[in-house]
Amino acid sequence: MPRRRSNCMIRQMNDHRKAITPILATLLLVVIAVAAIAVTYAWIMMFMNNATNQAGINLQKDAVNWQAGPPEKILVYVRNSGVSDATIDAVYVGTSNTNLVLQTSVTYDPPSKVVSKEGGTTVTIIFEYNWTSQTTYYFRIVPKIGEPLPFQEQAP
């Protein structure tokens, strides 16, 4: 008889453990769901904030002027058709999309580098660059906020 009583106690303990397992599983599912919601919310907020900032800036190339040297220069005329002012942050040039080089000695007219909204002003970007006739060059004009302006142009 003592053996039977011992089996009964073990069975009661196992029944008790089985009751806790569904509770732990439910709590774990709730924690996972809350974490997934938090990550999704953070991603959506970041995406919406980024999209809102970019919608106000739309850089467009008006023209490119190639000046023979020495020193040879390239003048790029940029306009903003967006609803927010843009500030030019960087200018890259290269002979392909994959080898663009940051131009470090760049002059801007006006010097503030601000391209007014809705096409109000044109910014002239001037930099020295040893260009070759009939060669296609790739440009990337990068504003502080918003999408960069990539384009290509063939030297005369």
N, C-alpha and C. Protein backbone atom coordinates (compact mmCIF):
# COMPACT_ATOMS: atom_id res chain seq x y z
N MET A 1 0.78 -1.20 0.00
CA MET A 1 0.00 0.00 0.00
C MET A 1 0.83 1.28 0.00
N PRO A 2 1.93 1.27 0.69
CA PRO A 2 2.70 2.50 0.68
C PRO A 2 3.15 2.85 -0.74
N ARG A 3 3.35 1.86 -1.55
CA ARG A 3 3.79 2.14 -2.92
C ARG A 3 2.70 2.84 -3.70
N ARG A 4 1.49 2.49 -3.51
CA ARG A 4 0.38 3.09 -4.22
C ARG A 4 0.22 4.54 -3.81
N ARG A 5 0.37 4.83 -2.57
CA ARG A 5 0.25 6.20 -2.08
C ARG A 5 1.37 7.06 -2.67
N SER A 6 2.54 6.51 -2.83
CA SER A 6 3.66 7.22 -3.41
C SER A 6 3.37 7.57 -4.86
N ASN A 7 2.83 6.67 -5.63
CA ASN A 7 2.46 6.92 -7.03
C ASN A 7 1.41 8.01 -7.13
N CYS A 8 0.50 8.02 -6.22
CA CYS A 8 -0.55 9.04 -6.20
C CYS A 8 0.04 10.43 -6.00
N MET A 9 0.99 10.54 -5.11
CA MET A 9 1.62 11.83 -4.83
C MET A 9 2.41 12.32 -6.05
N ILE A 10 3.10 11.40 -6.71
CA ILE A 10 3.87 11.79 -7.90
C ILE A 10 2.92 12.25 -8.99
N ARG A 11 1.79 11.57 -9.14
CA ARG A 11 0.83 11.94 -10.15
C ARG A 11 0.26 13.32 -9.86
N GLN A 12 0.00 13.60 -8.59
CA GLN A 12 -0.52 14.92 -8.22
C GLN A 12 0.52 16.01 -8.54
N MET A 13 1.76 15.73 -8.31
CA MET A 13 2.80 16.71 -8.59
C MET A 13 2.90 16.93 -10.11
N ASN A 14 2.80 15.88 -10.89
CA ASN A 14 2.85 16.02 -12.35
C ASN A 14 1.63 16.80 -12.85
N ASP A 15 0.47 16.56 -12.29
CA ASP A 15 -0.72 17.30 -12.68
C ASP A 15 -0.52 18.79 -12.40
N HIS A 16 0.10 19.10 -11.30
CA HIS A 16 0.36 20.49 -10.93
C HIS A 16 1.30 21.14 -11.95
N ARG A 17 2.34 20.43 -12.39
CA ARG A 17 3.28 20.96 -13.37
C ARG A 17 2.60 21.16 -14.71
N LYS A 18 1.70 20.27 -15.10
CA LYS A 18 0.99 20.42 -16.36
C LYS A 18 0.10 21.65 -16.34
N ALA A 19 -0.39 22.05 -15.22
CA ALA A 19 -1.25 23.23 -15.13
C ALA A 19 -0.43 24.50 -15.31
N ILE A 20 0.81 24.49 -14.91
CA ILE A 20 1.66 25.68 -15.03
C ILE A 20 2.12 25.86 -16.48
N THR A 21 2.38 24.81 -17.21
CA THR A 21 2.90 24.90 -18.56
C THR A 21 2.00 25.72 -19.50
N PRO A 22 0.69 25.55 -19.55
CA PRO A 22 -0.13 26.39 -20.42
C PRO A 22 -0.09 27.87 -20.02
N ILE A 23 0.04 28.14 -18.75
CA ILE A 23 0.12 29.54 -18.29
C ILE A 23 1.42 30.17 -18.79
N LEU A 24 2.53 29.44 -18.65
CA LEU A 24 3.81 29.95 -19.13
C LEU A 24 3.79 30.12 -20.65
N ALA A 25 3.21 29.20 -21.37
CA ALA A 25 3.13 29.30 -22.82
C ALA A 25 2.31 30.52 -23.24
N THR A 26 1.23 30.75 -22.55
CA THR A 26 0.39 31.92 -22.85
C THR A 26 1.14 33.21 -22.58
N LEU A 27 1.83 33.28 -21.45
CA LEU A 27 2.62 34.48 -21.14
C LEU A 27 3.72 34.70 -22.17
N LEU A 28 4.37 33.63 -22.57
CA LEU A 28 5.42 33.75 -23.58
C LEU A 28 4.86 34.26 -24.91
N LEU A 29 3.71 33.77 -25.32
CA LEU A 29 3.08 34.25 -26.55
C LEU A 29 2.70 35.73 -26.44
N VAL A 30 2.21 36.15 -25.29
CA VAL A 30 1.86 37.56 -25.09
C VAL A 30 3.10 38.44 -25.18
N VAL A 31 4.19 38.01 -24.56
CA VAL A 31 5.44 38.78 -24.61
C VAL A 31 5.95 38.88 -26.04
N ILE A 32 5.91 37.79 -26.79
CA ILE A 32 6.37 37.81 -28.19
C ILE A 32 5.49 38.73 -29.02
N ALA A 33 4.19 38.67 -28.81
CA ALA A 33 3.27 39.53 -29.57
C ALA A 33 3.52 41.00 -29.26
N VAL A 34 3.72 41.35 -28.01
CA VAL A 34 3.98 42.74 -27.63
C VAL A 34 5.30 43.22 -28.24
N ALA A 35 6.31 42.38 -28.22
CA ALA A 35 7.59 42.74 -28.81
C ALA A 35 7.46 42.95 -30.32
N ALA A 36 6.73 42.09 -30.99
CA ALA A 36 6.52 42.24 -32.43
C ALA A 36 5.77 43.52 -32.75
N ILE A 37 4.78 43.85 -31.95
CA ILE A 37 4.03 45.10 -32.16
C ILE A 37 4.94 46.31 -31.95
N ALA A 38 5.78 46.27 -30.93
CA ALA A 38 6.69 47.39 -30.66
C ALA A 38 7.68 47.58 -31.80
N VAL A 39 8.24 46.50 -32.32
CA VAL A 39 9.19 46.60 -33.43
C VAL A 39 8.49 47.13 -34.68
N THR A 40 7.31 46.63 -34.97
CA THR A 40 6.56 47.09 -36.14
C THR A 40 6.21 48.57 -36.01
N TYR A 41 5.79 48.99 -34.86
CA TYR A 41 5.44 50.40 -34.62
C TYR A 41 6.67 51.29 -34.83
N ALA A 42 7.81 50.89 -34.29
CA ALA A 42 9.03 51.68 -34.45
C ALA A 42 9.43 51.78 -35.92
N TRP A 43 9.33 50.68 -36.66
CA TRP A 43 9.69 50.70 -38.07
C TRP A 43 8.74 51.60 -38.87
N ILE A 44 7.45 51.50 -38.60
CA ILE A 44 6.48 52.33 -39.32
C ILE A 44 6.70 53.81 -39.02
N MET A 45 6.96 54.15 -37.76
CA MET A 45 7.19 55.55 -37.41
C MET A 45 8.45 56.09 -38.08
N MET A 46 9.50 55.29 -38.12
CA MET A 46 10.73 55.71 -38.78
C MET A 46 10.49 55.90 -40.28
N PHE A 47 9.78 54.98 -40.90
CA PHE A 47 9.48 55.06 -42.33
C PHE A 47 8.64 56.29 -42.64
N MET A 48 7.62 56.54 -41.84
CA MET A 48 6.73 57.69 -42.09
C MET A 48 7.48 59.01 -41.89
N ASN A 49 8.32 59.08 -40.88
CA ASN A 49 9.09 60.30 -40.63
C ASN A 49 10.05 60.56 -41.78
N ASN A 50 10.72 59.52 -42.26
CA ASN A 50 11.65 59.66 -43.37
C ASN A 50 10.92 60.05 -44.64
N ALA A 51 9.78 59.44 -44.92
CA ALA A 51 9.01 59.75 -46.12
C ALA A 51 8.48 61.18 -46.06
N THR A 52 8.06 61.64 -44.90
CA THR A 52 7.56 63.00 -44.76
C THR A 52 8.66 64.02 -45.00
N ASN A 53 9.85 63.76 -44.47
CA ASN A 53 10.97 64.69 -44.68
C ASN A 53 11.38 64.73 -46.14
N GLN A 54 11.36 63.61 -46.82
CA GLN A 54 11.82 63.55 -48.19
C GLN A 54 10.80 64.14 -49.16
N ALA A 55 9.54 64.10 -48.83
CA ALA A 55 8.51 64.57 -49.75
C ALA A 55 8.65 66.05 -50.04
N GLY A 56 9.25 66.81 -49.13
CA GLY A 56 9.34 68.25 -49.31
C GLY A 56 10.49 68.68 -50.18
N ILE A 57 11.40 67.79 -50.56
CA ILE A 57 12.58 68.16 -51.34
C ILE A 57 12.62 67.34 -52.61
N ASN A 58 12.76 68.02 -53.74
CA ASN A 58 12.83 67.35 -55.04
C ASN A 58 13.83 68.09 -55.91
N LEU A 59 15.11 67.71 -55.80
CA LEU A 59 16.16 68.37 -56.57
C LEU A 59 16.08 67.97 -58.04
N GLN A 60 16.34 68.95 -58.91
CA GLN A 60 16.36 68.70 -60.35
C GLN A 60 17.55 69.41 -60.96
N LYS A 61 18.15 68.78 -61.96
CA LYS A 61 19.28 69.38 -62.67
C LYS A 61 18.72 70.25 -63.78
N ASP A 62 19.13 71.52 -63.79
CA ASP A 62 18.74 72.41 -64.89
C ASP A 62 19.70 72.27 -66.06
N ALA A 63 21.01 72.32 -65.78
CA ALA A 63 22.00 72.25 -66.85
C ALA A 63 23.36 71.91 -66.26
N VAL A 64 24.27 71.50 -67.14
CA VAL A 64 25.67 71.27 -66.78
C VAL A 64 26.50 72.04 -67.79
N ASN A 65 27.45 72.81 -67.29
CA ASN A 65 28.32 73.60 -68.15
C ASN A 65 29.75 73.11 -67.96
N TRP A 66 30.42 72.77 -69.06
CA TRP A 66 31.79 72.25 -69.02
C TRP A 66 32.72 73.38 -69.45
N GLN A 67 33.60 73.81 -68.58
CA GLN A 67 34.53 74.89 -68.91
C GLN A 67 35.93 74.31 -69.11
N ALA A 68 36.50 74.60 -70.32
CA ALA A 68 37.85 74.15 -70.62
C ALA A 68 38.84 74.95 -69.78
N GLY A 69 39.96 74.35 -69.50
CA GLY A 69 40.93 74.98 -68.60
C GLY A 69 42.13 75.51 -69.31
N PRO A 70 43.20 75.64 -68.64
CA PRO A 70 43.35 75.18 -67.26
C PRO A 70 42.86 76.23 -66.25
N PRO A 71 42.37 75.88 -65.12
CA PRO A 71 41.92 74.53 -64.77
C PRO A 71 40.54 74.26 -65.36
N GLU A 72 40.28 73.01 -65.67
CA GLU A 72 38.97 72.63 -66.18
C GLU A 72 37.96 72.64 -65.04
N LYS A 73 36.75 73.12 -65.33
CA LYS A 73 35.71 73.20 -64.30
C LYS A 73 34.41 72.63 -64.83
N ILE A 74 33.59 72.20 -63.90
CA ILE A 74 32.23 71.78 -64.22
C ILE A 74 31.29 72.62 -63.38
N LEU A 75 30.26 73.17 -64.02
CA LEU A 75 29.23 73.95 -63.34
C LEU A 75 27.91 73.18 -63.45
N VAL A 76 27.28 72.91 -62.33
CA VAL A 76 26.00 72.21 -62.31
C VAL A 76 24.96 73.15 -61.72
N TYR A 77 23.85 73.32 -62.44
CA TYR A 77 22.77 74.19 -62.00
C TYR A 77 21.64 73.32 -61.46
N VAL A 78 21.30 73.53 -60.19
CA VAL A 78 20.31 72.68 -59.51
C VAL A 78 19.14 73.52 -59.02
N ARG A 79 17.94 72.98 -59.19
CA ARG A 79 16.71 73.63 -58.77
C ARG A 79 15.94 72.66 -57.87
N ASN A 80 15.08 73.20 -57.00
CA ASN A 80 14.28 72.39 -56.08
C ASN A 80 12.80 72.65 -56.37
N SER A 81 12.10 71.62 -56.86
CA SER A 81 10.67 71.78 -57.14
C SER A 81 9.80 71.32 -55.97
N GLY A 82 10.42 70.97 -54.86
CA GLY A 82 9.67 70.52 -53.68
C GLY A 82 9.06 71.68 -52.90
N VAL A 83 8.46 71.35 -51.77
CA VAL A 83 7.77 72.36 -50.95
C VAL A 83 8.59 72.78 -49.73
N SER A 84 9.82 72.27 -49.61
CA SER A 84 10.72 72.65 -48.51
C SER A 84 12.07 73.05 -49.09
N ASP A 85 12.72 74.01 -48.44
CA ASP A 85 14.06 74.40 -48.86
C ASP A 85 15.03 73.24 -48.66
N ALA A 86 16.03 73.15 -49.53
CA ALA A 86 17.04 72.10 -49.43
C ALA A 86 18.41 72.75 -49.31
N THR A 87 19.29 72.11 -48.56
CA THR A 87 20.67 72.55 -48.43
C THR A 87 21.57 71.47 -49.00
N ILE A 88 22.41 71.85 -49.97
CA ILE A 88 23.32 70.89 -50.59
C ILE A 88 24.41 70.53 -49.59
N ASP A 89 24.63 69.23 -49.41
CA ASP A 89 25.60 68.76 -48.43
C ASP A 89 26.87 68.21 -49.07
N ALA A 90 26.74 67.55 -50.22
CA ALA A 90 27.91 66.93 -50.85
C ALA A 90 27.69 66.77 -52.34
N VAL A 91 28.81 66.72 -53.08
CA VAL A 91 28.78 66.52 -54.53
C VAL A 91 29.77 65.41 -54.87
N TYR A 92 29.30 64.42 -55.62
CA TYR A 92 30.13 63.29 -56.05
C TYR A 92 30.16 63.25 -57.57
N VAL A 93 31.31 62.91 -58.14
CA VAL A 93 31.46 62.78 -59.60
C VAL A 93 32.37 61.59 -59.88
N GLY A 94 32.09 60.90 -60.98
CA GLY A 94 32.94 59.80 -61.40
C GLY A 94 32.61 59.35 -62.81
N THR A 95 33.36 58.39 -63.30
CA THR A 95 33.12 57.88 -64.66
C THR A 95 32.19 56.68 -64.67
N SER A 96 31.73 56.26 -63.50
CA SER A 96 30.70 55.21 -63.42
C SER A 96 29.95 55.39 -62.10
N ASN A 97 28.82 54.71 -61.99
CA ASN A 97 28.02 54.79 -60.76
C ASN A 97 28.75 54.23 -59.55
N THR A 98 29.71 53.34 -59.79
CA THR A 98 30.37 52.65 -58.68
C THR A 98 31.65 53.33 -58.21
N ASN A 99 32.15 54.33 -58.93
CA ASN A 99 33.39 54.97 -58.48
C ASN A 99 33.22 56.48 -58.33
N LEU A 100 32.14 56.90 -57.75
CA LEU A 100 31.90 58.32 -57.51
C LEU A 100 32.86 58.82 -56.43
N VAL A 101 33.44 60.02 -56.66
CA VAL A 101 34.41 60.59 -55.74
C VAL A 101 33.85 61.88 -55.17
N LEU A 102 33.95 62.03 -53.86
CA LEU A 102 33.49 63.24 -53.19
C LEU A 102 34.36 64.41 -53.63
N GLN A 103 33.73 65.50 -54.07
CA GLN A 103 34.45 66.70 -54.46
C GLN A 103 34.61 67.58 -53.22
N THR A 104 35.85 67.90 -52.89
CA THR A 104 36.11 68.61 -51.64
C THR A 104 36.25 70.12 -51.81
N SER A 105 36.69 70.58 -52.96
CA SER A 105 36.82 72.03 -53.16
C SER A 105 35.71 72.50 -54.10
N VAL A 106 34.54 72.69 -53.52
CA VAL A 106 33.35 73.06 -54.27
C VAL A 106 32.95 74.47 -53.87
N THR A 107 32.55 75.27 -54.87
CA THR A 107 32.04 76.62 -54.64
C THR A 107 30.56 76.62 -55.00
N TYR A 108 29.78 77.33 -54.21
CA TYR A 108 28.34 77.41 -54.43
C TYR A 108 27.94 78.86 -54.65
N ASP A 109 26.97 79.05 -55.54
CA ASP A 109 26.38 80.37 -55.74
C ASP A 109 24.88 80.23 -55.69
N PRO A 110 24.23 80.67 -54.64
CA PRO A 110 24.71 81.44 -53.49
C PRO A 110 25.52 80.57 -52.52
N PRO A 111 26.41 81.19 -51.74
CA PRO A 111 27.29 80.46 -50.84
C PRO A 111 26.57 79.70 -49.72
N SER A 112 25.32 80.04 -49.47
CA SER A 112 24.56 79.37 -48.40
C SER A 112 24.24 77.92 -48.74
N LYS A 113 24.36 77.53 -50.01
CA LYS A 113 24.06 76.18 -50.51
C LYS A 113 22.56 75.85 -50.45
N VAL A 114 21.72 76.84 -50.15
CA VAL A 114 20.28 76.60 -50.01
C VAL A 114 19.60 76.72 -51.37
N VAL A 115 18.85 75.68 -51.71
CA VAL A 115 18.04 75.67 -52.93
C VAL A 115 16.61 75.91 -52.47
N SER A 116 16.07 77.06 -52.81
CA SER A 116 14.74 77.45 -52.33
C SER A 116 13.66 76.53 -52.87
N LYS A 117 12.59 76.42 -52.10
CA LYS A 117 11.47 75.57 -52.47
C LYS A 117 10.75 76.10 -53.69
N GLU A 118 10.02 75.20 -54.34
CA GLU A 118 9.16 75.49 -55.47
C GLU A 118 9.88 76.23 -56.59
N GLY A 119 11.15 75.89 -56.81
CA GLY A 119 11.90 76.46 -57.92
C GLY A 119 12.23 77.93 -57.77
N GLY A 120 12.24 78.42 -56.53
CA GLY A 120 12.48 79.85 -56.29
C GLY A 120 13.87 80.31 -56.70
N THR A 121 14.88 79.50 -56.48
CA THR A 121 16.24 79.86 -56.88
C THR A 121 16.94 78.65 -57.47
N THR A 122 17.99 78.94 -58.21
CA THR A 122 18.86 77.90 -58.74
C THR A 122 20.20 78.05 -58.06
N VAL A 123 20.77 76.95 -57.59
CA VAL A 123 22.10 76.97 -57.01
C VAL A 123 23.08 76.50 -58.07
N THR A 124 24.16 77.25 -58.22
CA THR A 124 25.22 76.86 -59.14
C THR A 124 26.33 76.20 -58.33
N ILE A 125 26.67 74.98 -58.70
CA ILE A 125 27.72 74.22 -58.03
C ILE A 125 28.92 74.22 -58.97
N ILE A 126 30.04 74.74 -58.48
CA ILE A 126 31.24 74.89 -59.31
C ILE A 126 32.39 74.12 -58.66
N PHE A 127 33.07 73.27 -59.46
CA PHE A 127 34.23 72.56 -58.94
C PHE A 127 35.19 72.25 -60.08
N GLU A 128 36.47 72.17 -59.74
CA GLU A 128 37.50 71.81 -60.71
C GLU A 128 37.49 70.30 -60.89
N TYR A 129 37.55 69.89 -62.17
CA TYR A 129 37.56 68.46 -62.47
C TYR A 129 38.20 68.27 -63.84
N ASN A 130 39.16 67.39 -63.94
CA ASN A 130 39.83 67.12 -65.21
C ASN A 130 38.95 66.20 -66.05
N TRP A 131 38.10 66.79 -66.87
CA TRP A 131 37.18 66.01 -67.67
C TRP A 131 37.73 65.82 -69.08
N THR A 132 37.25 64.77 -69.72
CA THR A 132 37.68 64.42 -71.08
C THR A 132 36.48 64.52 -72.01
N SER A 133 36.69 65.09 -73.16
CA SER A 133 35.63 65.26 -74.14
C SER A 133 35.03 63.90 -74.54
N GLN A 134 33.72 63.89 -74.76
CA GLN A 134 32.95 62.73 -75.19
C GLN A 134 32.92 61.60 -74.17
N THR A 135 33.23 61.90 -72.92
CA THR A 135 33.16 60.91 -71.85
C THR A 135 31.91 61.16 -71.02
N THR A 136 31.23 60.09 -70.63
CA THR A 136 30.05 60.22 -69.79
C THR A 136 30.47 60.24 -68.33
N TYR A 137 29.97 61.23 -67.59
CA TYR A 137 30.28 61.37 -66.17
C TYR A 137 28.99 61.20 -65.37
N TYR A 138 29.16 60.63 -64.19
CA TYR A 138 28.03 60.38 -63.30
C TYR A 138 28.14 61.33 -62.11
N PHE A 139 27.02 61.91 -61.74
CA PHE A 139 26.96 62.89 -60.67
C PHE A 139 25.98 62.42 -59.60
N ARG A 140 26.23 62.88 -58.40
CA ARG A 140 25.31 62.64 -57.28
C ARG A 140 25.36 63.87 -56.39
N ILE A 141 24.27 64.64 -56.39
CA ILE A 141 24.15 65.83 -55.57
C ILE A 141 23.34 65.43 -54.34
N VAL A 142 23.92 65.58 -53.15
CA VAL A 142 23.30 65.07 -51.92
C VAL A 142 22.86 66.23 -51.04
N PRO A 143 21.55 66.34 -50.76
CA PRO A 143 21.08 67.35 -49.79
C PRO A 143 21.24 66.83 -48.37
N LYS A 144 21.17 67.73 -47.38
CA LYS A 144 21.27 67.30 -45.98
C LYS A 144 20.11 66.41 -45.60
N ILE A 145 18.92 66.74 -46.11
CA ILE A 145 17.72 65.94 -45.85
C ILE A 145 17.08 65.63 -47.20
N GLY A 146 16.62 64.41 -47.38
CA GLY A 146 15.93 64.06 -48.61
C GLY A 146 16.77 63.19 -49.52
N GLU A 147 16.19 62.88 -50.65
CA GLU A 147 16.83 61.99 -51.62
C GLU A 147 17.88 62.72 -52.43
N PRO A 148 19.01 62.06 -52.71
CA PRO A 148 20.02 62.67 -53.56
C PRO A 148 19.55 62.75 -55.02
N LEU A 149 20.24 63.58 -55.77
CA LEU A 149 19.95 63.75 -57.19
C LEU A 149 21.04 63.06 -58.00
N PRO A 150 20.79 61.84 -58.51
CA PRO A 150 21.78 61.18 -59.37
C PRO A 150 21.45 61.49 -60.83
N PHE A 151 22.47 61.72 -61.63
CA PHE A 151 22.28 61.88 -63.07
C PHE A 151 23.61 61.66 -63.77
N GLN A 152 23.53 61.51 -65.08
CA GLN A 152 24.74 61.36 -65.88
C GLN A 152 24.70 62.37 -67.01
N GLU A 153 25.88 62.78 -67.45
CA GLU A 153 26.00 63.79 -68.49
C GLU A 153 27.27 63.51 -69.29
N GLN A 154 27.18 63.71 -70.59
CA GLN A 154 28.35 63.50 -71.46
C GLN A 154 29.04 64.83 -71.70
N ALA A 155 30.35 64.83 -71.53
CA ALA A 155 31.14 66.04 -71.77
C ALA A 155 31.14 66.35 -73.26
N PRO A 156 31.16 67.64 -73.63
CA PRO A 156 31.11 67.99 -75.07
C PRO A 156 32.39 67.61 -75.79
